Each structure stands twice: as structure tokens, then as C-alpha cells.
């Protein structure tokens, strides 16, 4: 797309924000390049609108303390602290260093069936190595498991989604694998317990979690651990969006902003949770465990690429400065119409995520992303693809392959809309064909979610 097209797009963002009479319309734009302008016109208003909603809902529900979960909650935490300080709100904000990996592994030994289900779930380019990593196995243990598995299952290539259940059964019957997973879980549990106690999660303050969301499993996992430790009141949670909920939880304990398991079909279709995670992250690696030093428990972070870290430090500072300007225009935070603000965010993200320009796709699509519990296999969120590879993600081919009716490998992109824009050929056609798949996907997901809730 031409530079003129990019200018038109940025002007459109500005019009959406400034013509809707919000506190963001008065923020003086200082952005010179496209990245700065996008923060001011799209990312800043989006995350600030979410935080205003979180703080309003927290007040309604009598929440005294909010725990922002690493890493998606890092920028949210920075913004919330500014609002609480400037508006003198009676809400304490804390940053909780945890990940699916650091919290799930300690719990595996409590329910090995559920643990097996978790490590063998789907994802982008799932391999046997990824599955064994999810279980917390060392390199030596992984090698031994591969020796013990039947010959047909030793293939270390990408596992089709339709074959994951077979892999699960094979691993279930491998006693060595099950023993290793159990032992690592037992060893990790005490340090997680101590960390949660240290961070005040056993105190009687009414508390809630804040996170991006998607499934809400972290809330259930933390409540399981805290219940065993003696916490009486369950944590509730405030999320950007949830596609579904774990089994056995109370629906009223989960609050959704942008979309929920029951509502927001169009919002889901024009949204990219992978792009969201690539942008709204932290300047540190994933929490891979905990260690005790000088009588205190500290999180152990995985490695982070230096360039990625520099970007997150810059983004954090820029959004903090944006938030400080926005909060000056707030006279009474509790009087802001969050429903109206959310409509503005929907307009912005529909364009940014659903119809990205070539320049946006090139800049933000090159950000790294990993959809697995470990960051070992990172790739660009909008990986470059050929037109044939993109056609493989069209509605009928992808649906039939996912159902196991059609055989073959589909190269996937974490943000396919961005990959289409980077290709620059027949964008509207490819976006439409992929969007039809997303409509079917989320309709189906809602159907099975509601069916599951009926049985509970």
C-alpha cells in the first residue's frame, strides 16, 4: 500500500478517537512515525478503556486488591497504577509473576488425567518435543521417552490436530513419561505455594485477577492451589475477552470486557488474540519457575531477545506517558461511559487487526509470538506466506482438515490477516475466505461451550 494509504488510515484512527468525545481526544499527539501514531490512536485508547472498565467493575464488586498476571498484564498494571494514584482510588494493584507453565506443572500430580489432557492439547505446529516440554521433562528424559515409544509415534514432525488424541493415549501408557511428569510436579509445588503466600494471596482482602483471558484457566488453577492452602473466598477475574471457560467454575466469577463465551461473535472474528499478546507483553521473559534467595521467593524468568526487550521497554514508557496525559482529562472515573468507549475500541481494532495496511502488517507482524507454554519455538506473529499457503487457510480446506476429513499439512499464521497484508495479493478475497472460517470456528466453539455448561 502507498504512503498516502497509510496516511488515510492514521487519519481514520484519529477521527474515530477525537470525534467521539472521550478523554483520549484531548491527548496531544506527538507521534512522528507510524509506531508512535498507532500507540496514540489505537493501542493507548484500547488499553486505557479496558483499565477504566476494570476499575469501575472492581468498585462495584468491592474489590480491594487487583493482581495483574504476567506477562499480558504488565502494561495493564502500569496504566492501572497511574489511574489509582491520580484518582486516589482505594484499590491496591500488584503484579503477579506466573505463567501457565509455572503454575500448571506444580498441579499436575493432583490430577494426572487433566495434566495429560493439557499437555496434549492443540496449538500452532504442535510436535512431540513441544508436548514433552509442556510436561516439564528434561532433555535426557525426553530422549528416554522417545526410546520407549512405539516406532510409529517417534516421528518428531508436526502432529495433525486430529491425531493428538492418539498421542495422548500412547503417552498415557508410557509409565516412564507419567512418572517423570508426576515427579517434576511434586518438586515444583512447595515453591509455588510459598510465592503465593508471600504475595498476600492468603490475606482476607477481597481480590481479583486481571489478564488478557481467552480461556480463564489460570483463575481456576490459582483457586485450586489457594483453596488447598486455606483461602476461603475464591478469586474472581477481569478479562479482555474469554472464548470459553474451564469446566466446573462459576460463570459469575468471570467478567469479560470485549467478548465473552456467549457474546461478541463479530468481535472475535475481527480480533487477533495472538497479535494482542505480541504487543501487550512485558520486558522480561516467561515465568518458568521460582527460587528461594535470602528468605524470599523470586520468579525465574526465561530468556528474552534483546531487541524484543528494548521494544517492550520503549512501549511501556510510551503508554505510561500517554496514560498520564489521558488521566488529566478525567474528572470522575466512575462517570465514564465504558460501553460507549468499548464501541470506539471495536472500531479501532476492527481496522487494525482485521484490515491491516501493508505497513502495519510489516511492522507489527514482525513481532515475535509463541502460542506454547514455553517460548522455545517463537515465530513472527504474521509469518510471511505464499499465496498457496494462505489458500490452505481458506474456510473449507481448513475446516475439513481440522475435522480430520481431509489429510494434509496447513501452514498457520498466528495473525493470518497480517500475513495476507504482507503478501499484498487479493487481500479482500483472502480476508473474506479466512473470516468465514473464523465465523464457523467461533459458532462451533460457542455451541460446545453452551452444551458443556448445560451438563454441569
Protein backbone atom coordinates (compact mmCIF):
# COMPACT_ATOMS: atom_id res chain seq x y z
CA UNK A 1 0.00 0.00 0.00
CA UNK A 2 1.14 3.54 -0.71
CA UNK A 3 2.26 6.08 1.85
CA UNK A 4 -0.92 8.02 1.05
CA UNK A 5 -2.99 4.98 2.02
CA UNK A 6 -1.12 4.79 5.33
CA UNK A 7 -1.82 8.47 5.98
CA UNK A 8 -5.52 7.92 5.29
CA UNK A 9 -5.57 5.03 7.76
CA UNK A 10 -3.94 7.05 10.56
CA UNK A 11 -6.33 9.93 9.86
CA UNK A 12 -9.24 7.50 10.18
CA UNK A 13 -7.99 6.32 13.59
CA UNK A 14 -7.66 9.92 14.74
CA UNK A 15 -11.21 10.74 13.62
CA UNK A 16 -12.63 7.74 15.49
CA UNK A 17 -10.93 8.83 18.73
CA UNK A 18 -11.30 12.62 18.53
CA UNK A 19 -14.86 12.80 17.22
CA UNK A 20 -16.38 10.58 19.93
CA UNK A 21 -15.89 12.96 22.87
CA UNK A 22 -13.57 10.85 25.03
CA UNK A 23 -10.77 11.69 27.44
CA UNK A 24 -8.38 10.46 24.74
CA UNK A 25 -9.43 13.11 22.27
CA UNK A 26 -7.60 15.73 24.28
CA UNK A 27 -4.31 13.85 24.42
CA UNK A 28 -1.77 15.85 22.45
CA UNK A 29 -0.29 13.64 19.75
CA UNK A 30 3.47 13.83 19.49
CA UNK A 31 3.93 10.74 17.35
CA UNK A 32 6.14 11.20 14.34
CA UNK A 33 6.44 7.69 12.93
CA UNK A 34 3.79 5.05 12.34
CA UNK A 35 4.57 3.13 15.53
CA UNK A 36 4.13 6.19 17.75
CA UNK A 37 0.95 7.20 15.94
CA UNK A 38 -0.52 3.71 16.33
CA UNK A 39 0.18 3.76 20.06
CA UNK A 40 -1.58 7.11 20.39
CA UNK A 41 -4.50 6.34 18.08
CA UNK A 42 -5.14 2.62 18.73
CA UNK A 43 -3.14 0.90 21.46
CA UNK A 44 -3.30 3.68 24.07
CA UNK A 45 -7.08 4.22 23.85
CA UNK A 46 -7.69 0.45 23.82
CA UNK A 47 -5.74 -0.46 26.94
CA UNK A 48 -6.88 2.65 28.82
CA UNK A 49 -10.54 1.93 28.04
CA UNK A 50 -10.09 -1.59 29.39
CA UNK A 51 -8.45 -0.40 32.60
CA UNK A 52 -11.19 2.19 33.22
CA UNK A 53 -13.74 -0.64 32.88
CA UNK A 54 -11.74 -2.89 35.24
CA UNK A 55 -11.54 -0.19 37.91
CA UNK A 56 -15.26 0.61 37.62
CA UNK A 57 -16.23 -3.05 37.90
CA UNK A 58 -13.84 -3.55 40.80
CA UNK A 59 -15.51 -0.76 42.73
CA UNK A 60 -18.99 -2.21 42.09
CA UNK A 61 -17.85 -5.58 43.43
CA UNK A 62 -15.96 -4.27 46.44
CA UNK A 63 -12.54 -5.41 45.21
CA UNK A 64 -9.66 -4.15 47.36
CA UNK A 65 -6.72 -5.65 45.52
CA UNK A 66 -6.07 -6.45 41.86
CA UNK A 67 -3.43 -8.94 40.72
CA UNK A 68 -2.24 -8.33 37.17
CA UNK A 69 -0.91 -11.57 35.69
CA UNK A 70 2.43 -11.69 33.87
CA UNK A 71 3.10 -11.06 31.10
CA UNK A 72 -0.06 -9.82 29.37
CA UNK A 73 -0.97 -7.83 32.46
CA UNK A 74 2.27 -5.85 32.63
CA UNK A 75 1.16 -2.78 30.65
CA UNK A 76 -2.31 -3.04 32.20
CA UNK A 77 -0.67 -2.91 35.63
CA UNK A 78 1.35 0.18 34.68
CA UNK A 79 -1.78 2.00 33.50
CA UNK A 80 -3.92 0.95 36.47
CA UNK A 81 -1.38 2.24 38.98
CA UNK A 82 -1.46 5.67 37.32
CA UNK A 83 -5.27 5.84 37.49
CA UNK A 84 -5.38 4.64 41.11
CA UNK A 85 -2.75 7.18 42.16
CA UNK A 86 -4.11 10.19 40.26
CA UNK A 87 -7.77 9.43 41.06
CA UNK A 88 -6.93 8.33 44.63
CA UNK A 89 -8.84 5.08 44.25
CA UNK A 90 -8.97 2.65 47.20
CA UNK A 91 -7.65 -0.24 45.13
CA UNK A 92 -4.22 -1.81 45.50
CA UNK A 93 -2.53 -3.06 42.32
CA UNK A 94 0.04 -5.86 42.29
CA UNK A 95 1.94 -7.68 39.55
CA UNK A 96 1.90 -11.47 39.88
CA UNK A 97 4.70 -13.30 38.08
CA UNK A 98 3.23 -16.52 36.80
CA UNK A 99 2.59 -18.42 33.60
CA UNK A 100 0.65 -21.47 32.51
CA UNK A 101 3.92 -23.37 32.78
CA UNK A 102 4.96 -22.17 36.25
CA UNK A 103 1.50 -22.72 37.74
CA UNK A 104 0.30 -25.78 35.86
CA UNK A 105 3.30 -28.07 36.39
CA UNK A 106 3.09 -27.91 40.22
CA UNK A 107 -0.54 -29.05 39.98
CA UNK A 108 -0.08 -31.94 37.55
CA UNK A 109 0.37 -34.54 40.30
CA UNK A 110 -3.06 -33.67 41.77
CA UNK A 111 -4.89 -34.83 38.62
CA UNK A 112 -2.78 -36.74 36.11
CA UNK A 113 -5.69 -37.22 33.68
CA UNK A 114 -6.24 -33.48 33.46
CA UNK A 115 -2.49 -32.94 33.19
CA UNK A 116 -2.29 -35.32 30.23
CA UNK A 117 -5.22 -33.55 28.56
CA UNK A 118 -3.44 -30.24 29.00
CA UNK A 119 -0.04 -31.23 27.60
CA UNK A 120 -1.63 -32.91 24.55
CA UNK A 121 -3.86 -30.02 23.53
CA UNK A 122 -3.71 -28.32 20.15
CA UNK A 123 -1.77 -25.26 19.03
CA UNK A 124 0.33 -23.92 16.19
CA UNK A 125 2.68 -26.59 14.80
CA UNK A 126 2.44 -28.98 17.76
CA UNK A 127 5.24 -31.57 17.86
CA UNK A 128 6.14 -34.37 20.23
CA UNK A 129 9.00 -32.22 21.53
CA UNK A 130 6.52 -29.47 22.42
CA UNK A 131 4.29 -31.92 24.25
CA UNK A 132 7.20 -33.29 26.30
CA UNK A 133 8.32 -29.71 27.07
CA UNK A 134 4.83 -28.90 28.34
CA UNK A 135 5.18 -31.80 30.77
CA UNK A 136 8.41 -30.30 32.16
CA UNK A 137 10.71 -33.13 31.09
CA UNK A 138 14.49 -32.67 30.83
CA UNK A 139 16.42 -33.38 27.62
CA UNK A 140 17.58 -36.74 28.99
CA UNK A 141 14.05 -37.71 29.99
CA UNK A 142 12.70 -36.70 26.60
CA UNK A 143 15.29 -38.89 24.89
CA UNK A 144 14.34 -41.85 27.07
CA UNK A 145 10.61 -41.38 26.34
CA UNK A 146 11.35 -41.38 22.61
CA UNK A 147 13.26 -44.66 23.05
CA UNK A 148 10.29 -46.23 24.83
CA UNK A 149 7.54 -45.10 22.46
CA UNK A 150 6.26 -47.39 19.68
CA UNK A 151 8.06 -46.78 16.38
CA UNK A 152 5.13 -45.04 14.56
CA UNK A 153 4.87 -42.44 17.34
CA UNK A 154 8.54 -41.44 17.38
CA UNK A 155 8.01 -39.03 14.50
CA UNK A 156 9.19 -35.60 15.71
CA UNK A 157 7.42 -33.69 12.97
CA UNK A 158 4.25 -31.62 13.24
CA UNK A 159 1.32 -33.63 14.61
CA UNK A 160 -2.04 -33.09 12.85
CA UNK A 161 -4.75 -31.88 15.23
CA UNK A 162 -6.84 -34.98 14.52
CA UNK A 163 -4.03 -37.26 15.78
CA UNK A 164 -3.38 -35.59 19.14
CA UNK A 165 -5.82 -37.88 20.96
CA UNK A 166 -3.83 -40.89 19.74
CA UNK A 167 -0.59 -39.36 21.03
CA UNK A 168 -2.28 -38.78 24.35
CA UNK A 169 -3.17 -42.46 24.69
CA UNK A 170 0.35 -43.57 23.78
CA UNK A 171 1.88 -41.26 26.42
CA UNK A 172 -0.67 -42.38 29.00
CA UNK A 173 0.55 -45.94 28.53
CA UNK A 174 4.21 -44.92 28.89
CA UNK A 175 4.80 -45.34 32.62
CA UNK A 176 8.21 -43.65 32.50
CA UNK A 177 6.69 -40.50 30.98
CA UNK A 178 3.90 -40.43 33.57
CA UNK A 179 6.38 -40.93 36.43
CA UNK A 180 8.63 -38.09 35.20
CA UNK A 181 5.70 -35.69 34.86
CA UNK A 182 4.46 -36.61 38.34
CA UNK A 183 7.89 -36.18 39.99
CA UNK A 184 8.58 -32.76 38.45
CA UNK A 185 5.16 -31.60 39.63
CA UNK A 186 5.72 -32.75 43.22
CA UNK A 187 9.10 -30.98 43.33
CA UNK A 188 7.73 -27.67 41.97
CA UNK A 189 4.68 -27.42 44.23
CA UNK A 190 6.26 -26.11 47.52
CA UNK A 191 7.95 -23.07 45.93
CA UNK A 192 4.74 -22.02 44.19
CA UNK A 193 2.88 -22.29 47.50
CA UNK A 194 5.44 -20.06 49.23
CA UNK A 195 5.37 -17.47 46.43
CA UNK A 196 1.58 -17.15 46.57
CA UNK A 197 1.63 -16.78 50.35
CA UNK A 198 4.38 -14.16 50.10
CA UNK A 199 2.35 -12.12 47.59
CA UNK A 200 -0.58 -11.85 50.01
CA UNK A 201 -3.00 -14.21 48.33
CA UNK A 202 -3.95 -15.79 51.66
CA UNK A 203 -4.83 -12.43 53.20
CA UNK A 204 -8.51 -11.65 53.74
CA UNK A 205 -8.59 -8.70 51.31
CA UNK A 206 -11.18 -9.19 48.59
CA UNK A 207 -9.05 -9.74 45.49
CA UNK A 208 -9.38 -10.34 41.76
CA UNK A 209 -7.16 -11.18 38.82
CA UNK A 210 -6.69 -9.07 35.68
CA UNK A 211 -5.45 -10.67 32.47
CA UNK A 212 -5.99 -10.86 28.72
CA UNK A 213 -8.02 -14.06 29.20
CA UNK A 214 -9.00 -16.40 26.32
CA UNK A 215 -9.84 -19.47 28.47
CA UNK A 216 -9.63 -18.35 32.10
CA UNK A 217 -7.79 -21.48 33.22
CA UNK A 218 -5.26 -19.57 35.34
CA UNK A 219 -8.03 -18.37 37.65
CA UNK A 220 -9.26 -21.92 38.19
CA UNK A 221 -5.71 -23.19 38.75
CA UNK A 222 -4.84 -20.48 41.28
CA UNK A 223 -8.12 -21.01 43.13
CA UNK A 224 -7.38 -24.73 43.36
CA UNK A 225 -3.99 -24.08 44.96
CA UNK A 226 -5.25 -21.31 47.25
CA UNK A 227 -8.18 -23.46 48.37
CA UNK A 228 -5.73 -26.16 49.43
CA UNK A 229 -3.76 -23.52 51.33
CA UNK A 230 -6.83 -22.36 53.23
CA UNK A 231 -8.13 -19.33 51.34
CA UNK A 232 -11.87 -19.13 51.90
CA UNK A 233 -13.02 -16.65 49.24
CA UNK A 234 -12.34 -17.51 45.61
CA UNK A 235 -10.57 -15.05 43.34
CA UNK A 236 -12.71 -13.52 40.62
CA UNK A 237 -11.26 -12.28 37.33
CA UNK A 238 -11.49 -9.37 34.89
CA UNK A 239 -10.53 -10.23 31.32
CA UNK A 240 -10.16 -8.53 27.97
CA UNK A 241 -12.01 -11.48 26.47
CA UNK A 242 -12.90 -15.13 27.01
CA UNK A 243 -13.63 -17.66 24.27
CA UNK A 244 -14.64 -20.34 26.77
CA UNK A 245 -14.41 -21.26 30.45
CA UNK A 246 -12.87 -24.24 32.23
CA UNK A 247 -15.16 -26.99 33.46
CA UNK A 248 -16.53 -26.74 36.96
CA UNK A 249 -16.28 -22.96 37.52
CA UNK A 250 -18.97 -20.41 38.35
CA UNK A 251 -19.80 -18.17 35.40
CA UNK A 252 -20.44 -15.20 37.70
CA UNK A 253 -16.79 -15.23 38.83
CA UNK A 254 -15.55 -14.30 35.34
CA UNK A 255 -16.05 -10.76 33.98
CA UNK A 256 -15.45 -10.04 30.28
CA UNK A 257 -14.81 -6.72 28.57
CA UNK A 258 -14.50 -7.16 24.80
CA UNK A 259 -16.17 -10.54 24.22
CA UNK A 260 -17.38 -13.49 26.29
CA UNK A 261 -18.06 -17.19 25.66
CA UNK A 262 -21.70 -16.32 24.98
CA UNK A 263 -21.43 -12.98 23.19
CA UNK A 264 -19.31 -10.98 20.75
CA UNK A 265 -19.11 -13.20 17.65
CA UNK A 266 -18.18 -10.33 15.34
CA UNK A 267 -15.66 -9.01 17.84
CA UNK A 268 -13.94 -12.42 17.93
CA UNK A 269 -13.82 -12.69 14.15
CA UNK A 270 -12.14 -9.29 13.70
CA UNK A 271 -9.77 -9.78 16.65
CA UNK A 272 -6.38 -11.48 16.96
CA UNK A 273 -5.50 -12.68 20.44
CA UNK A 274 -2.02 -13.63 19.22
CA UNK A 275 -1.30 -10.11 17.98
CA UNK A 276 -2.71 -8.76 21.25
CA UNK A 277 -0.25 -10.89 23.24
CA UNK A 278 2.65 -9.88 20.99
CA UNK A 279 2.01 -6.20 21.72
CA UNK A 280 0.72 -6.17 25.28
CA UNK A 281 3.52 -8.03 26.99
CA UNK A 282 6.42 -7.35 29.37
CA UNK A 283 10.15 -6.52 29.11
CA UNK A 284 11.07 -9.85 30.71
CA UNK A 285 10.89 -13.50 29.73
CA UNK A 286 8.22 -16.02 30.64
CA UNK A 287 7.99 -17.16 34.27
CA UNK A 288 9.47 -20.68 34.22
CA UNK A 289 9.52 -21.32 37.97
CA UNK A 290 10.52 -19.93 41.35
CA UNK A 291 13.60 -19.91 43.56
CA UNK A 292 14.34 -19.03 47.16
CA UNK A 293 17.03 -16.41 47.84
CA UNK A 294 17.76 -14.79 51.19
CA UNK A 295 14.48 -15.99 52.65
CA UNK A 296 12.29 -14.69 49.81
CA UNK A 297 10.77 -16.35 46.75
CA UNK A 298 11.64 -14.83 43.39
CA UNK A 299 10.28 -15.71 39.95
CA UNK A 300 12.70 -17.26 37.47
CA UNK A 301 12.26 -15.73 34.04
CA UNK A 302 13.17 -17.33 30.75
CA UNK A 303 15.37 -15.59 28.22
CA UNK A 304 14.11 -12.67 26.18
CA UNK A 305 15.58 -11.42 22.94
CA UNK A 306 17.44 -8.13 23.45
CA UNK A 307 15.61 -6.39 20.61
CA UNK A 308 12.27 -7.61 21.96
CA UNK A 309 13.14 -6.37 25.44
CA UNK A 310 14.13 -2.93 24.13
CA UNK A 311 10.83 -2.69 22.24
CA UNK A 312 8.80 -3.58 25.34
CA UNK A 313 10.69 -1.07 27.50
CA UNK A 314 10.01 1.64 24.91
CA UNK A 315 6.34 0.67 24.55
CA UNK A 316 5.86 0.60 28.33
CA UNK A 317 7.27 4.11 28.71
CA UNK A 318 5.27 5.47 25.78
CA UNK A 319 1.98 4.05 27.05
CA UNK A 320 2.72 5.29 30.57
CA UNK A 321 3.20 8.82 29.23
CA UNK A 322 0.04 8.51 27.16
CA UNK A 323 -1.91 7.35 30.22
CA UNK A 324 -0.64 10.22 32.35
CA UNK A 325 -1.97 12.65 29.74
CA UNK A 326 -5.30 10.84 29.44
CA UNK A 327 -5.92 10.72 33.20
CA UNK A 328 -5.58 14.52 33.42
CA UNK A 329 -8.82 14.82 31.45
CA UNK A 330 -10.69 12.51 33.86
CA UNK A 331 -12.77 14.38 36.42
CA UNK A 332 -14.65 11.35 37.75
CA UNK A 333 -13.53 7.95 36.51
CA UNK A 334 -16.74 6.31 37.69
CA UNK A 335 -18.86 8.53 35.43
CA UNK A 336 -17.16 7.43 32.20
CA UNK A 337 -19.47 5.53 29.87
CA UNK A 338 -17.42 2.36 29.33
CA UNK A 339 -20.00 0.90 26.92
CA UNK A 340 -19.55 3.84 24.58
CA UNK A 341 -15.76 3.68 24.96
CA UNK A 342 -15.82 -0.01 24.08
CA UNK A 343 -17.64 0.74 20.83
CA UNK A 344 -14.78 3.08 19.89
CA UNK A 345 -12.22 0.38 20.67
CA UNK A 346 -14.15 -2.04 18.46
CA UNK A 347 -13.98 0.38 15.53
CA UNK A 348 -10.23 0.82 16.01
CA UNK A 349 -9.35 -2.86 16.39
CA UNK A 350 -11.61 -3.96 13.55
CA UNK A 351 -9.43 -1.90 11.21
CA UNK A 352 -6.08 -2.54 12.90
CA UNK A 353 -6.43 -6.30 13.38
CA UNK A 354 -8.97 -7.25 10.73
CA UNK A 355 -7.90 -5.00 7.82
CA UNK A 356 -4.24 -4.11 8.47
CA UNK A 357 -2.37 -1.98 5.97
CA UNK A 358 0.80 -3.38 4.44
CA UNK A 359 2.89 -1.11 6.66
CA UNK A 360 1.04 -2.14 9.82
CA UNK A 361 1.37 -5.81 8.93
CA UNK A 362 5.08 -5.42 8.24
CA UNK A 363 5.80 -3.55 11.48
CA UNK A 364 3.57 -5.37 13.96
CA UNK A 365 3.54 -8.68 12.08
CA UNK A 366 7.29 -9.00 12.57
CA UNK A 367 6.86 -9.08 16.36
CA UNK A 368 7.67 -12.50 17.80
CA UNK A 369 4.99 -14.80 19.16
CA UNK A 370 4.73 -18.26 20.69
CA UNK A 371 1.41 -19.93 21.45
CA UNK A 372 3.01 -22.66 23.55
CA UNK A 373 3.61 -22.82 27.29
CA UNK A 374 7.32 -22.36 26.65
CA UNK A 375 8.85 -19.70 24.38
CA UNK A 376 11.24 -22.14 22.72
CA UNK A 377 9.65 -22.02 19.26
CA UNK A 378 8.92 -18.38 18.58
CA UNK A 379 7.98 -17.07 15.14
CA UNK A 380 6.77 -13.81 13.67
CA UNK A 381 3.14 -13.24 14.59
CA UNK A 382 2.31 -12.63 10.90
CA UNK A 383 4.73 -15.03 9.30
CA UNK A 384 5.41 -14.49 5.59
CA UNK A 385 3.46 -16.96 3.46
CA UNK A 386 2.94 -17.80 -0.19
CA UNK A 387 -0.49 -17.37 -1.73
CA UNK A 388 -0.85 -21.16 -1.86
CA UNK A 389 -0.15 -21.43 1.87
CA UNK A 390 -2.72 -18.73 2.56
CA UNK A 391 -5.28 -20.56 0.43
CA UNK A 392 -4.75 -23.56 2.70
CA UNK A 393 -6.33 -21.48 5.48
CA UNK A 394 -9.49 -20.79 3.50
CA UNK A 395 -12.72 -21.86 5.12
CA UNK A 396 -13.48 -25.24 3.55
CA UNK A 397 -9.96 -26.58 3.38
CA UNK A 398 -9.16 -25.62 6.95
CA UNK A 399 -12.46 -26.80 8.40
CA UNK A 400 -12.24 -30.21 6.69
CA UNK A 401 -8.60 -30.66 7.72
CA UNK A 402 -9.27 -29.72 11.35
CA UNK A 403 -12.11 -32.25 11.44
CA UNK A 404 -9.81 -34.94 10.09
CA UNK A 405 -11.86 -35.39 6.91
CA UNK A 406 -9.13 -34.03 4.65
CA UNK A 407 -5.49 -35.01 5.12
CA UNK A 408 -2.56 -32.69 4.75
CA UNK A 409 -0.48 -30.04 6.49
CA UNK A 410 -1.70 -26.47 6.82
CA UNK A 411 0.90 -23.79 7.42
CA UNK A 412 -0.61 -21.49 10.01
CA UNK A 413 -0.04 -17.90 10.97
CA UNK A 414 -0.74 -16.51 14.41
CA UNK A 415 -2.18 -13.39 12.72
CA UNK A 416 -3.21 -14.52 9.25
CA UNK A 417 -4.81 -11.17 8.41
CA UNK A 418 -1.34 -9.67 8.80
CA UNK A 419 0.27 -12.39 6.69
CA UNK A 420 -2.27 -11.68 3.94
CA UNK A 421 -1.47 -7.97 4.04
CA UNK A 422 2.27 -8.72 3.90
CA UNK A 423 1.71 -10.83 0.77
CA UNK A 424 -0.15 -7.95 -0.87
CA UNK A 425 -2.22 -10.03 -3.30
CA UNK A 426 -6.03 -10.18 -3.39
CA UNK A 427 -6.23 -9.13 0.27
CA UNK A 428 -10.01 -8.70 0.41
CA UNK A 429 -10.62 -12.13 -1.10
CA UNK A 430 -8.25 -13.94 1.27
CA UNK A 431 -9.51 -11.99 4.29
CA UNK A 432 -13.09 -12.96 3.40
CA UNK A 433 -12.31 -16.67 2.98
CA UNK A 434 -10.43 -16.81 6.27
CA UNK A 435 -13.08 -14.76 8.04
CA UNK A 436 -15.72 -17.30 7.04
CA UNK A 437 -13.63 -19.96 8.74
CA UNK A 438 -13.42 -17.84 11.90
CA UNK A 439 -17.19 -17.39 11.94
CA UNK A 440 -17.67 -21.17 11.76
CA UNK A 441 -14.97 -21.73 14.37
CA UNK A 442 -16.49 -19.41 16.96
CA UNK A 443 -20.07 -20.51 16.29
CA UNK A 444 -18.94 -24.10 16.85
CA UNK A 445 -16.95 -23.14 19.94
CA UNK A 446 -19.96 -21.37 21.44
CA UNK A 447 -22.21 -24.36 20.71
CA UNK A 448 -19.93 -26.80 22.52
CA UNK A 449 -19.34 -24.37 25.36
CA UNK A 450 -23.08 -23.95 25.99
CA UNK A 451 -23.57 -27.71 25.69
CA UNK A 452 -20.86 -28.26 28.31
CA UNK A 453 -22.43 -25.73 30.68
CA UNK A 454 -25.82 -27.44 30.37
CA UNK A 455 -24.33 -30.71 31.61
CA UNK A 456 -22.73 -29.10 34.67
